[in-house]
Amino acid sequence: MILLSEEATMEIQSYQNQAELLLKEYLLADSFIPYTSVICGIFACKMVYDLTQLFSSVYFKSYLILSKVQRNEWNNRSISTVHAIFITVMSLYFVFWSNLYSDNRYAGMIMFRSSALSTFTLGVSVGYFLADIGMIIWFYSSLGGIEYVIHHFLSLTAVAYSMMTGEGQLYTFMVLISETTTPGINLRWYLDTAGMKRSRAYLINGVVIFVTWLVARILLFMYLFYHVYLHFDQLWATVNIRRAFYPISYELNVVWKDYQGIKENISKEAMKGILFHPLCCSVNGSKGYRTVELSWFLIQCEKSPCNAEGWLT
């Protein structure tokens, strides 16, 4: 065991005190939190990208046979997945569990409530959008065209405005919960790229996407509009054109994500080789049509007679 002299111990303690002072007075000071969080978000994206590249090359054989463009998209989608999980968890906490935006707490108008943690969370999201826009432009147009750039720019502007001003953070978090659908959409791309588009996992993932989309894109927005109605007097007293920009841009975000989610629905190829209950053989009174109605989904398959047990092959 190495014994340190008293002078060396005091010198180490001095460095520790200086580091704590730097962290407390500068990096985590209220005025520096937006900038610190954005930098942390960018570095987190870089770390996830590198770790994905490392683990995928070791544990996923299909990753090694992908082209360079596909590998870049594979790594990029891992970043969006991690960000979606992070921002969904934090947004759910702030909207439904935190007392920051509670009506029982007297803390001024709800449009202007914010905290160091809520600002830091939005800053991490801003860092993600900056990193993703940079990757889209660097690898243009393999990761997306001009529509992706516009979508990310609008989202970046909206979240950054809420982060810097502290205005409308509650409703920003409400809309960010819609990122719940992103992991499922990315998983669908991974399954397709790995040659598993005809698997049962691909079909189940499609149903999960539909359920999460229903909850996060429809029911949640009904709650958002109801919340706006209950606090309309506060919103009307503070609204102006600048503050109305972030919900507009996020509506574009919702429309774009919904388009991407619906564009590639459950394909006929994914249905081949999957068995269905005999009920599907009696739709419209015709045994020759294989049609299943699953909530809003209509999965239509090619004509084929049922076997002896009434199952579709």
Protein backbone atom coordinates (compact mmCIF):
# COMPACT_ATOMS: atom_id res chain seq x y z
CA MET A 1 0.00 0.00 0.00
CA ILE A 2 1.40 3.35 -1.06
CA LEU A 3 1.32 6.00 1.67
CA LEU A 4 0.90 9.57 0.48
CA SER A 5 2.53 12.45 2.23
CA GLU A 6 0.38 15.11 3.86
CA GLU A 7 1.40 17.60 1.18
CA ALA A 8 0.34 15.23 -1.63
CA THR A 9 -2.99 14.55 0.10
CA MET A 10 -3.72 18.25 0.43
CA GLU A 11 -2.83 18.79 -3.23
CA ILE A 12 -5.24 16.03 -4.36
CA GLN A 13 -7.96 17.48 -2.15
CA SER A 14 -7.37 20.88 -3.72
CA TYR A 15 -7.84 19.45 -7.22
CA GLN A 16 -11.05 17.73 -6.11
CA ASN A 17 -12.41 20.98 -4.71
CA GLN A 18 -11.58 22.82 -7.91
CA ALA A 19 -13.29 20.11 -10.00
CA GLU A 20 -16.41 20.26 -7.83
CA LEU A 21 -16.44 24.05 -8.09
CA LEU A 22 -16.13 23.88 -11.88
CA LEU A 23 -18.98 21.36 -12.06
CA LYS A 24 -21.26 23.22 -9.70
CA GLU A 25 -20.60 26.83 -10.63
CA TYR A 26 -20.18 26.44 -14.38
CA LEU A 27 -21.13 23.17 -16.07
CA LEU A 28 -24.29 22.60 -13.98
CA ALA A 29 -25.11 26.24 -13.26
CA ASP A 30 -28.59 27.24 -14.44
CA SER A 31 -27.19 29.58 -17.08
CA PHE A 32 -24.89 26.88 -18.50
CA ILE A 33 -27.21 23.87 -18.36
CA PRO A 34 -28.61 24.37 -21.89
CA TYR A 35 -25.13 24.35 -23.41
CA THR A 36 -23.83 21.53 -21.22
CA SER A 37 -26.83 19.33 -22.02
CA VAL A 38 -26.52 19.89 -25.77
CA ILE A 39 -22.85 18.88 -25.67
CA CYS A 40 -23.73 15.81 -23.59
CA GLY A 41 -26.41 14.87 -26.14
CA ILE A 42 -23.95 15.10 -29.03
CA PHE A 43 -21.30 13.03 -27.24
CA ALA A 44 -23.94 10.46 -26.24
CA CYS A 45 -24.91 10.05 -29.90
CA LYS A 46 -21.28 9.51 -30.84
CA MET A 47 -20.87 6.93 -28.07
CA VAL A 48 -24.02 5.01 -29.10
CA TYR A 49 -22.88 5.04 -32.74
CA ASP A 50 -19.47 3.58 -31.88
CA LEU A 51 -20.86 0.99 -29.45
CA THR A 52 -23.45 -0.12 -32.01
CA GLN A 53 -20.74 -0.56 -34.61
CA LEU A 54 -18.65 -2.57 -32.16
CA PHE A 55 -21.35 -4.88 -30.80
CA SER A 56 -23.12 -5.39 -34.13
CA SER A 57 -19.95 -6.57 -35.83
CA VAL A 58 -19.47 -9.15 -33.06
CA TYR A 59 -23.00 -10.39 -32.31
CA PHE A 60 -24.90 -9.90 -35.61
CA LYS A 61 -23.67 -11.87 -38.60
CA SER A 62 -26.00 -10.01 -40.97
CA TYR A 63 -24.26 -6.73 -40.07
CA LEU A 64 -20.99 -7.90 -41.63
CA ILE A 65 -22.55 -8.50 -45.05
CA LEU A 66 -24.26 -5.12 -45.23
CA SER A 67 -23.04 -2.40 -47.53
CA LYS A 68 -21.39 0.70 -46.10
CA VAL A 69 -24.56 2.73 -46.62
CA GLN A 70 -26.66 0.14 -44.79
CA ARG A 71 -24.18 -0.01 -41.92
CA ASN A 72 -24.36 3.75 -41.52
CA GLU A 73 -28.15 3.60 -41.39
CA TRP A 74 -28.00 0.64 -38.98
CA ASN A 75 -25.84 2.67 -36.59
CA ASN A 76 -27.88 5.82 -37.10
CA ARG A 77 -31.15 4.07 -36.26
CA SER A 78 -29.64 2.81 -33.02
CA ILE A 79 -29.05 6.42 -32.02
CA SER A 80 -32.65 7.38 -32.75
CA THR A 81 -33.86 4.33 -30.83
CA VAL A 82 -31.84 5.17 -27.72
CA HIS A 83 -32.93 8.81 -27.91
CA ALA A 84 -36.57 7.77 -28.32
CA ILE A 85 -36.42 5.53 -25.24
CA PHE A 86 -34.68 8.23 -23.19
CA ILE A 87 -36.97 11.10 -24.14
CA THR A 88 -40.12 8.96 -23.80
CA VAL A 89 -39.22 7.90 -20.26
CA MET A 90 -38.32 11.43 -19.20
CA SER A 91 -41.39 12.94 -20.87
CA LEU A 92 -43.70 10.43 -19.17
CA TYR A 93 -42.09 11.31 -15.85
CA PHE A 94 -42.54 15.07 -16.28
CA VAL A 95 -46.09 14.87 -17.64
CA PHE A 96 -47.62 12.26 -15.36
CA TRP A 97 -45.43 11.79 -12.26
CA SER A 98 -43.50 14.98 -11.59
CA ASN A 99 -45.01 17.69 -9.41
CA LEU A 100 -43.44 20.39 -11.57
CA TYR A 101 -46.55 20.79 -13.72
CA SER A 102 -49.10 19.70 -11.13
CA ASP A 103 -52.20 21.86 -10.71
CA ASN A 104 -51.91 21.35 -6.95
CA ARG A 105 -48.61 23.18 -6.89
CA TYR A 106 -48.70 26.95 -6.83
CA ALA A 107 -45.73 27.85 -8.98
CA GLY A 108 -47.03 30.43 -11.40
CA MET A 109 -48.47 29.92 -14.85
CA ILE A 110 -47.99 26.44 -16.25
CA MET A 111 -46.60 27.79 -19.53
CA PHE A 112 -43.55 29.17 -17.75
CA ARG A 113 -42.70 26.31 -15.39
CA SER A 114 -39.34 24.64 -15.84
CA SER A 115 -36.52 23.12 -13.81
CA ALA A 116 -32.85 22.32 -14.25
CA LEU A 117 -33.67 18.69 -15.00
CA SER A 118 -36.40 19.49 -17.56
CA THR A 119 -34.11 21.96 -19.33
CA PHE A 120 -31.24 19.44 -19.32
CA THR A 121 -33.53 16.76 -20.80
CA LEU A 122 -34.59 19.02 -23.66
CA GLY A 123 -30.95 19.97 -24.21
CA VAL A 124 -30.00 16.33 -24.69
CA SER A 125 -32.76 16.06 -27.29
CA VAL A 126 -31.43 19.18 -29.03
CA GLY A 127 -28.00 17.55 -29.10
CA TYR A 128 -29.52 14.48 -30.74
CA PHE A 129 -31.23 16.52 -33.45
CA LEU A 130 -28.00 18.40 -34.15
CA ALA A 131 -26.04 15.16 -34.43
CA ASP A 132 -28.68 13.53 -36.61
CA ILE A 133 -28.92 16.52 -38.94
CA GLY A 134 -25.14 16.46 -39.23
CA MET A 135 -25.17 12.76 -40.17
CA ILE A 136 -27.99 13.26 -42.69
CA ILE A 137 -26.08 16.07 -44.40
CA TRP A 138 -22.73 14.22 -44.24
CA PHE A 139 -24.17 11.03 -45.77
CA TYR A 140 -26.69 12.82 -47.96
CA SER A 141 -28.89 11.36 -49.31
CA SER A 142 -28.42 7.80 -48.04
CA LEU A 143 -29.99 8.59 -44.65
CA GLY A 144 -32.76 10.75 -46.08
CA GLY A 145 -33.49 13.60 -48.43
CA ILE A 146 -34.40 17.24 -47.95
CA GLU A 147 -37.64 16.27 -46.20
CA TYR A 148 -35.64 14.76 -43.34
CA VAL A 149 -33.52 17.91 -43.05
CA ILE A 150 -36.62 20.13 -42.90
CA HIS A 151 -38.32 17.83 -40.37
CA HIS A 152 -35.27 17.76 -38.08
CA PHE A 153 -34.71 21.50 -38.42
CA LEU A 154 -38.28 22.28 -37.36
CA SER A 155 -38.09 19.85 -34.44
CA LEU A 156 -34.70 21.25 -33.42
CA THR A 157 -36.01 24.82 -33.50
CA ALA A 158 -39.07 23.92 -31.44
CA VAL A 159 -37.23 22.01 -28.71
CA ALA A 160 -34.37 24.53 -28.58
CA TYR A 161 -36.80 27.43 -28.15
CA SER A 162 -38.56 25.68 -25.27
CA MET A 163 -35.20 24.80 -23.70
CA MET A 164 -33.72 28.30 -23.91
CA THR A 165 -36.82 30.25 -22.83
CA GLY A 166 -38.40 27.73 -20.44
CA GLU A 167 -41.77 28.34 -22.10
CA GLY A 168 -44.22 25.60 -22.99
CA GLN A 169 -42.03 22.76 -21.74
CA LEU A 170 -45.02 20.76 -20.50
CA TYR A 171 -46.62 20.60 -23.94
CA THR A 172 -43.24 19.97 -25.55
CA PHE A 173 -42.84 16.90 -23.34
CA MET A 174 -46.40 15.79 -24.16
CA VAL A 175 -45.62 15.77 -27.85
CA LEU A 176 -42.21 14.16 -27.33
CA ILE A 177 -44.00 11.13 -25.87
CA SER A 178 -44.94 10.37 -29.47
CA GLU A 179 -41.34 9.16 -29.89
CA THR A 180 -42.69 5.92 -28.38
CA THR A 181 -43.35 4.69 -31.92
CA THR A 182 -39.75 5.17 -33.09
CA PRO A 183 -38.22 1.96 -31.64
CA GLY A 184 -40.86 -0.18 -33.36
CA ILE A 185 -40.35 1.56 -36.69
CA ASN A 186 -36.59 1.07 -36.41
CA LEU A 187 -37.04 -2.58 -35.40
CA ARG A 188 -39.11 -3.12 -38.53
CA TRP A 189 -36.21 -1.78 -40.62
CA TYR A 190 -33.73 -4.03 -38.76
CA LEU A 191 -35.91 -7.11 -39.37
CA ASP A 192 -36.30 -6.22 -43.03
CA THR A 193 -32.57 -5.64 -43.47
CA ALA A 194 -31.76 -8.90 -41.69
CA GLY A 195 -34.01 -10.81 -44.11
CA MET A 196 -36.78 -11.48 -41.56
CA LYS A 197 -39.58 -9.63 -43.31
CA ARG A 198 -41.58 -12.84 -43.67
CA SER A 199 -41.17 -13.83 -40.04
CA ARG A 200 -43.78 -13.82 -37.29
CA ALA A 201 -41.66 -11.27 -35.41
CA TYR A 202 -42.14 -8.81 -38.27
CA LEU A 203 -45.91 -9.28 -38.12
CA ILE A 204 -46.07 -8.90 -34.32
CA ASN A 205 -43.92 -5.79 -34.52
CA GLY A 206 -46.36 -4.31 -37.03
CA VAL A 207 -49.25 -4.83 -34.63
CA VAL A 208 -47.22 -3.30 -31.78
CA ILE A 209 -46.49 -0.26 -33.96
CA PHE A 210 -50.22 0.15 -34.55
CA VAL A 211 -51.06 -0.06 -30.83
CA THR A 212 -48.33 2.39 -29.78
CA TRP A 213 -49.33 4.72 -32.61
CA LEU A 214 -52.94 4.63 -31.43
CA VAL A 215 -51.96 5.47 -27.85
CA ALA A 216 -49.14 7.95 -28.48
CA ARG A 217 -50.49 9.68 -31.58
CA ILE A 218 -54.24 9.75 -31.01
CA LEU A 219 -55.22 9.19 -27.38
CA LEU A 220 -52.32 11.24 -26.06
CA PHE A 221 -53.17 14.18 -28.30
CA MET A 222 -56.76 14.02 -27.15
CA TYR A 223 -55.42 14.41 -23.61
CA LEU A 224 -53.15 17.25 -24.76
CA PHE A 225 -56.06 19.17 -26.28
CA TYR A 226 -58.12 18.54 -23.16
CA HIS A 227 -55.28 19.90 -21.02
CA VAL A 228 -55.04 22.96 -23.26
CA TYR A 229 -58.79 23.48 -22.84
CA LEU A 230 -58.51 23.36 -19.05
CA HIS A 231 -55.66 25.91 -19.05
CA PHE A 232 -56.82 27.97 -22.00
CA ASP A 233 -56.96 31.16 -19.93
CA GLN A 234 -53.24 30.87 -19.16
CA LEU A 235 -52.36 30.04 -22.74
CA TRP A 236 -54.41 32.91 -24.13
CA ALA A 237 -52.71 35.35 -21.78
CA THR A 238 -49.24 34.33 -22.93
CA VAL A 239 -49.67 33.29 -26.55
CA ASN A 240 -47.92 35.03 -29.41
CA ILE A 241 -46.66 34.02 -32.82
CA ARG A 242 -43.26 32.84 -31.56
CA ARG A 243 -44.77 30.66 -28.86
CA ALA A 244 -47.21 29.18 -31.33
CA PHE A 245 -44.37 27.97 -33.53
CA TYR A 246 -43.35 24.91 -31.51
CA PRO A 247 -46.75 23.12 -31.57
CA ILE A 248 -47.03 23.80 -35.32
CA SER A 249 -43.61 22.32 -36.05
CA TYR A 250 -44.35 19.34 -33.84
CA GLU A 251 -47.59 18.72 -35.67
CA LEU A 252 -45.43 18.44 -38.80
CA ASN A 253 -43.29 15.98 -36.87
CA VAL A 254 -46.33 13.88 -36.03
CA VAL A 255 -47.60 13.92 -39.61
CA TRP A 256 -44.18 12.90 -40.94
CA LYS A 257 -43.69 10.07 -38.45
CA ASP A 258 -47.23 8.79 -39.10
CA TYR A 259 -46.55 8.79 -42.83
CA GLN A 260 -43.36 6.80 -42.32
CA GLY A 261 -45.13 4.36 -40.02
CA ILE A 262 -48.07 3.74 -42.33
CA LYS A 263 -46.11 3.79 -45.59
CA GLU A 264 -44.70 0.32 -45.10
CA ASN A 265 -47.57 -1.67 -43.62
CA ILE A 266 -47.79 -5.37 -43.05
CA SER A 267 -46.95 -6.76 -46.48
CA LYS A 268 -48.33 -9.84 -48.17
CA GLU A 269 -44.89 -11.41 -48.03
CA ALA A 270 -44.95 -11.26 -44.24
CA MET A 271 -48.18 -13.23 -44.21
CA LYS A 272 -46.99 -16.19 -46.27
CA GLY A 273 -46.59 -19.36 -44.31
CA ILE A 274 -48.56 -18.01 -41.31
CA LEU A 275 -51.68 -19.89 -40.22
CA PHE A 276 -55.00 -18.21 -39.44
CA HIS A 277 -58.14 -19.30 -37.67
CA PRO A 278 -60.93 -20.78 -39.83
CA LEU A 279 -63.00 -17.68 -39.09
CA CYS A 280 -61.05 -15.86 -41.78
CA CYS A 281 -62.35 -18.33 -44.38
CA SER A 282 -65.94 -17.28 -43.89
CA VAL A 283 -65.55 -13.55 -44.51
CA ASN A 284 -68.06 -12.26 -47.07
CA GLY A 285 -69.39 -15.81 -47.33
CA SER A 286 -66.51 -16.93 -49.51
CA LYS A 287 -64.16 -19.73 -48.53
CA GLY A 288 -61.70 -18.73 -51.20
CA TYR A 289 -60.74 -15.34 -49.73
CA ARG A 290 -58.26 -15.02 -46.90
CA THR A 291 -59.15 -11.79 -45.13
CA VAL A 292 -58.66 -10.91 -41.50
CA GLU A 293 -59.96 -7.76 -39.87
CA LEU A 294 -57.72 -6.72 -37.01
CA SER A 295 -59.07 -3.49 -35.58
CA TRP A 296 -58.26 -0.97 -38.33
CA PHE A 297 -55.97 -3.31 -40.22
CA LEU A 298 -57.29 -5.23 -43.22
CA ILE A 299 -54.74 -7.86 -44.11
CA GLN A 300 -55.64 -9.25 -47.50
CA CYS A 301 -53.89 -12.30 -48.82
CA GLU A 302 -54.06 -14.04 -52.15
CA LYS A 303 -56.90 -16.43 -53.01
CA SER A 304 -56.38 -19.93 -51.74
CA PRO A 305 -58.73 -22.63 -50.45
CA CYS A 306 -58.63 -23.77 -46.83
CA ASN A 307 -57.33 -27.19 -45.91
CA ALA A 308 -59.37 -29.96 -44.36
CA GLU A 309 -59.28 -28.41 -40.88
CA GLY A 310 -60.32 -25.03 -42.16
CA TRP A 311 -56.87 -23.43 -41.70
CA LEU A 312 -55.20 -21.25 -44.30
CA THR A 313 -51.86 -22.48 -45.60
